[in-house]
N, C-alpha and C. Protein backbone atom coordinates (compact mmCIF):
# COMPACT_ATOMS: atom_id res chain seq x y z
N MET A 1 -10.75 21.06 -3.82
CA MET A 1 -10.09 19.85 -4.25
C MET A 1 -10.37 18.75 -3.20
N ASP A 2 -10.78 17.59 -3.64
CA ASP A 2 -11.10 16.52 -2.69
C ASP A 2 -9.83 15.84 -2.18
N ILE A 3 -9.97 15.06 -1.13
CA ILE A 3 -8.83 14.44 -0.46
C ILE A 3 -8.06 13.49 -1.38
N SER A 4 -8.76 12.75 -2.22
CA SER A 4 -8.09 11.82 -3.14
C SER A 4 -7.18 12.56 -4.12
N THR A 5 -7.64 13.68 -4.63
CA THR A 5 -6.84 14.47 -5.56
C THR A 5 -5.62 15.05 -4.86
N LYS A 6 -5.80 15.55 -3.66
CA LYS A 6 -4.67 16.10 -2.89
C LYS A 6 -3.62 15.03 -2.64
N ILE A 7 -4.06 13.84 -2.27
CA ILE A 7 -3.13 12.74 -2.01
C ILE A 7 -2.41 12.35 -3.30
N LYS A 8 -3.13 12.27 -4.38
CA LYS A 8 -2.51 11.91 -5.67
C LYS A 8 -1.41 12.90 -6.02
N LEU A 9 -1.68 14.18 -5.86
CA LEU A 9 -0.68 15.20 -6.19
C LEU A 9 0.57 15.07 -5.30
N LEU A 10 0.36 14.68 -4.06
CA LEU A 10 1.48 14.54 -3.13
C LEU A 10 2.37 13.33 -3.42
N ILE A 11 1.78 12.23 -3.85
CA ILE A 11 2.55 10.98 -3.93
C ILE A 11 2.91 10.53 -5.34
N GLN A 12 2.29 11.10 -6.36
CA GLN A 12 2.48 10.55 -7.70
C GLN A 12 3.93 10.62 -8.18
N ASP A 13 4.66 11.70 -7.89
CA ASP A 13 6.05 11.79 -8.34
C ASP A 13 6.92 10.72 -7.68
N THR A 14 6.70 10.51 -6.38
CA THR A 14 7.45 9.49 -5.65
C THR A 14 7.22 8.11 -6.25
N LEU A 15 5.96 7.80 -6.53
CA LEU A 15 5.65 6.49 -7.12
C LEU A 15 6.20 6.36 -8.54
N GLN A 16 6.14 7.43 -9.31
CA GLN A 16 6.67 7.38 -10.68
C GLN A 16 8.16 7.08 -10.68
N ARG A 17 8.89 7.62 -9.70
CA ARG A 17 10.32 7.33 -9.61
C ARG A 17 10.58 5.85 -9.36
N GLU A 18 9.60 5.18 -8.80
CA GLU A 18 9.71 3.73 -8.53
C GLU A 18 9.12 2.90 -9.67
N GLY A 19 8.69 3.56 -10.75
CA GLY A 19 8.11 2.86 -11.89
C GLY A 19 6.66 2.47 -11.68
N LEU A 20 5.98 3.17 -10.78
CA LEU A 20 4.59 2.85 -10.45
C LEU A 20 3.67 4.01 -10.81
N LYS A 21 2.41 3.67 -11.03
CA LYS A 21 1.37 4.68 -11.30
C LYS A 21 0.21 4.45 -10.35
N ILE A 22 -0.51 5.51 -10.09
CA ILE A 22 -1.72 5.40 -9.28
C ILE A 22 -2.87 5.03 -10.20
N TYR A 23 -3.54 3.95 -9.88
CA TYR A 23 -4.72 3.53 -10.63
C TYR A 23 -5.97 4.15 -10.02
N LYS A 24 -6.06 4.12 -8.68
CA LYS A 24 -7.26 4.64 -8.02
C LYS A 24 -6.94 4.94 -6.57
N ILE A 25 -7.58 5.98 -6.05
CA ILE A 25 -7.49 6.29 -4.62
C ILE A 25 -8.91 6.44 -4.09
N THR A 26 -9.21 5.76 -2.99
CA THR A 26 -10.50 5.92 -2.34
C THR A 26 -10.28 6.16 -0.85
N TYR A 27 -11.17 6.93 -0.27
CA TYR A 27 -11.16 7.16 1.17
C TYR A 27 -12.60 7.04 1.63
N GLN A 28 -12.88 5.99 2.39
CA GLN A 28 -14.27 5.74 2.77
C GLN A 28 -14.36 5.00 4.08
N LYS A 29 -15.53 5.04 4.65
CA LYS A 29 -15.79 4.30 5.88
C LYS A 29 -16.13 2.86 5.52
N GLU A 30 -15.47 1.93 6.20
CA GLU A 30 -15.75 0.51 6.03
C GLU A 30 -15.93 -0.06 7.43
N GLU A 31 -17.13 -0.49 7.72
CA GLU A 31 -17.50 -0.94 9.06
C GLU A 31 -17.22 0.21 10.03
N SER A 32 -16.37 0.03 11.02
CA SER A 32 -16.13 1.10 11.99
C SER A 32 -14.84 1.87 11.71
N ASN A 33 -14.18 1.61 10.58
CA ASN A 33 -12.90 2.25 10.26
C ASN A 33 -13.00 3.12 9.02
N LYS A 34 -12.16 4.13 8.96
CA LYS A 34 -11.94 4.88 7.73
C LYS A 34 -10.75 4.23 7.04
N VAL A 35 -10.87 3.99 5.73
CA VAL A 35 -9.83 3.31 4.98
C VAL A 35 -9.41 4.17 3.79
N LEU A 36 -8.10 4.46 3.73
CA LEU A 36 -7.52 5.11 2.57
C LEU A 36 -6.88 4.00 1.75
N ARG A 37 -7.44 3.73 0.59
CA ARG A 37 -6.96 2.65 -0.27
C ARG A 37 -6.32 3.27 -1.52
N ILE A 38 -5.06 2.94 -1.73
CA ILE A 38 -4.34 3.42 -2.90
C ILE A 38 -4.02 2.20 -3.75
N VAL A 39 -4.55 2.19 -4.95
CA VAL A 39 -4.35 1.07 -5.88
C VAL A 39 -3.31 1.51 -6.90
N ILE A 40 -2.26 0.69 -7.03
CA ILE A 40 -1.15 1.03 -7.92
C ILE A 40 -1.06 0.03 -9.07
N GLU A 41 -0.34 0.46 -10.11
CA GLU A 41 -0.06 -0.42 -11.23
C GLU A 41 1.34 -0.10 -11.73
N GLY A 42 1.91 -1.04 -12.48
CA GLY A 42 3.25 -0.85 -13.02
C GLY A 42 3.37 -1.53 -14.36
N GLU A 43 4.54 -1.37 -14.95
CA GLU A 43 4.79 -1.98 -16.26
C GLU A 43 4.74 -3.50 -16.16
N ASN A 44 5.28 -4.03 -15.06
CA ASN A 44 5.33 -5.48 -14.85
C ASN A 44 4.31 -5.87 -13.80
N LYS A 45 4.10 -7.17 -13.65
CA LYS A 45 3.21 -7.67 -12.62
C LYS A 45 3.77 -7.30 -11.25
N LEU A 46 2.94 -6.70 -10.40
CA LEU A 46 3.38 -6.26 -9.09
C LEU A 46 3.14 -7.34 -8.05
N THR A 47 4.00 -7.34 -7.04
CA THR A 47 3.92 -8.32 -5.98
C THR A 47 3.55 -7.65 -4.66
N ALA A 48 3.35 -8.46 -3.64
CA ALA A 48 3.09 -7.93 -2.31
C ALA A 48 4.28 -7.10 -1.83
N ASP A 49 5.49 -7.49 -2.21
CA ASP A 49 6.67 -6.72 -1.84
C ASP A 49 6.65 -5.33 -2.47
N ASP A 50 6.16 -5.22 -3.70
CA ASP A 50 6.03 -3.92 -4.36
C ASP A 50 5.04 -3.03 -3.60
N CYS A 51 3.95 -3.63 -3.16
CA CYS A 51 2.95 -2.87 -2.40
C CYS A 51 3.53 -2.41 -1.06
N ALA A 52 4.28 -3.29 -0.41
CA ALA A 52 4.91 -2.93 0.87
C ALA A 52 5.92 -1.80 0.68
N ALA A 53 6.70 -1.87 -0.38
CA ALA A 53 7.68 -0.82 -0.66
C ALA A 53 6.98 0.50 -0.95
N ALA A 54 5.89 0.46 -1.71
CA ALA A 54 5.12 1.67 -2.00
C ALA A 54 4.53 2.24 -0.71
N TYR A 55 4.02 1.38 0.14
CA TYR A 55 3.47 1.80 1.44
C TYR A 55 4.53 2.56 2.23
N LYS A 56 5.74 2.03 2.27
CA LYS A 56 6.83 2.65 3.03
C LYS A 56 7.22 4.01 2.46
N LYS A 57 7.01 4.21 1.18
CA LYS A 57 7.28 5.52 0.56
C LYS A 57 6.12 6.49 0.80
N ILE A 58 4.90 5.98 0.70
CA ILE A 58 3.70 6.83 0.79
C ILE A 58 3.41 7.28 2.22
N ASN A 59 3.48 6.37 3.17
CA ASN A 59 3.05 6.67 4.53
C ASN A 59 3.75 7.89 5.14
N PRO A 60 5.08 8.01 5.05
CA PRO A 60 5.72 9.20 5.63
C PRO A 60 5.28 10.50 4.97
N ILE A 61 5.02 10.47 3.68
CA ILE A 61 4.56 11.67 2.97
C ILE A 61 3.19 12.09 3.51
N LEU A 62 2.31 11.12 3.68
CA LEU A 62 0.97 11.44 4.18
C LEU A 62 1.04 11.94 5.62
N GLU A 63 1.87 11.31 6.44
CA GLU A 63 1.99 11.75 7.84
C GLU A 63 2.57 13.15 7.93
N GLU A 64 3.57 13.44 7.12
CA GLU A 64 4.22 14.75 7.14
C GLU A 64 3.25 15.86 6.73
N ASN A 65 2.39 15.58 5.77
CA ASN A 65 1.48 16.60 5.26
C ASN A 65 0.16 16.65 6.01
N ASN A 66 -0.11 15.65 6.84
CA ASN A 66 -1.27 15.65 7.74
C ASN A 66 -2.59 16.02 7.05
N LEU A 67 -2.85 15.39 5.92
CA LEU A 67 -4.09 15.67 5.20
C LEU A 67 -5.32 15.04 5.85
N ILE A 68 -5.10 13.94 6.53
CA ILE A 68 -6.21 13.23 7.17
C ILE A 68 -6.00 13.35 8.68
N ASP A 69 -6.91 14.04 9.33
CA ASP A 69 -6.72 14.31 10.77
C ASP A 69 -7.54 13.39 11.67
N GLU A 70 -7.93 12.24 11.14
CA GLU A 70 -8.66 11.27 11.95
C GLU A 70 -8.01 9.90 11.78
N PRO A 71 -8.19 9.01 12.76
CA PRO A 71 -7.60 7.67 12.62
C PRO A 71 -8.10 6.98 11.34
N HIS A 72 -7.18 6.32 10.66
CA HIS A 72 -7.54 5.63 9.42
C HIS A 72 -6.55 4.51 9.16
N ILE A 73 -6.92 3.65 8.24
CA ILE A 73 -6.08 2.55 7.80
C ILE A 73 -5.61 2.87 6.38
N LEU A 74 -4.31 2.75 6.15
CA LEU A 74 -3.76 2.93 4.82
C LEU A 74 -3.55 1.55 4.21
N GLU A 75 -4.15 1.33 3.05
CA GLU A 75 -3.95 0.08 2.30
C GLU A 75 -3.37 0.42 0.94
N VAL A 76 -2.35 -0.31 0.54
CA VAL A 76 -1.79 -0.18 -0.80
C VAL A 76 -1.93 -1.53 -1.46
N SER A 77 -2.59 -1.56 -2.60
CA SER A 77 -2.80 -2.82 -3.31
C SER A 77 -2.58 -2.60 -4.80
N THR A 78 -2.59 -3.71 -5.54
CA THR A 78 -2.38 -3.62 -6.98
C THR A 78 -3.70 -3.62 -7.72
N ARG A 79 -3.64 -3.14 -8.90
CA ARG A 79 -4.84 -3.13 -9.75
C ARG A 79 -5.36 -4.54 -9.96
N MET A 80 -4.44 -5.48 -10.09
CA MET A 80 -4.85 -6.86 -10.31
C MET A 80 -5.66 -7.40 -9.12
N SER A 81 -5.28 -7.03 -7.91
CA SER A 81 -6.03 -7.51 -6.74
C SER A 81 -7.41 -6.87 -6.70
N GLU A 82 -7.56 -5.68 -7.26
CA GLU A 82 -8.85 -5.01 -7.31
C GLU A 82 -9.80 -5.71 -8.29
N GLU A 83 -9.24 -6.30 -9.33
CA GLU A 83 -10.06 -6.89 -10.39
C GLU A 83 -10.51 -8.31 -10.09
N LYS A 84 -10.01 -8.90 -9.00
CA LYS A 84 -10.39 -10.28 -8.65
C LYS A 84 -11.76 -10.33 -8.05
């Protein structure tokens, strides 16, 4: 099972309780950093505050489960920001 699938399984229930869904998860090298990007969507238009709230829910889960053992950047964004 790849890292994106493992992460999805870990966080999807938490996000669903907040009325959010995972649109896409990517983990890749960008310049000199590894970036874990989680793109979310919801029934209504999401704001930066929604992304920040999702980040605060997701980050502790990822840290507790220690799936990524190298330094990385976690980004949470909306599907709409991906389509621009």
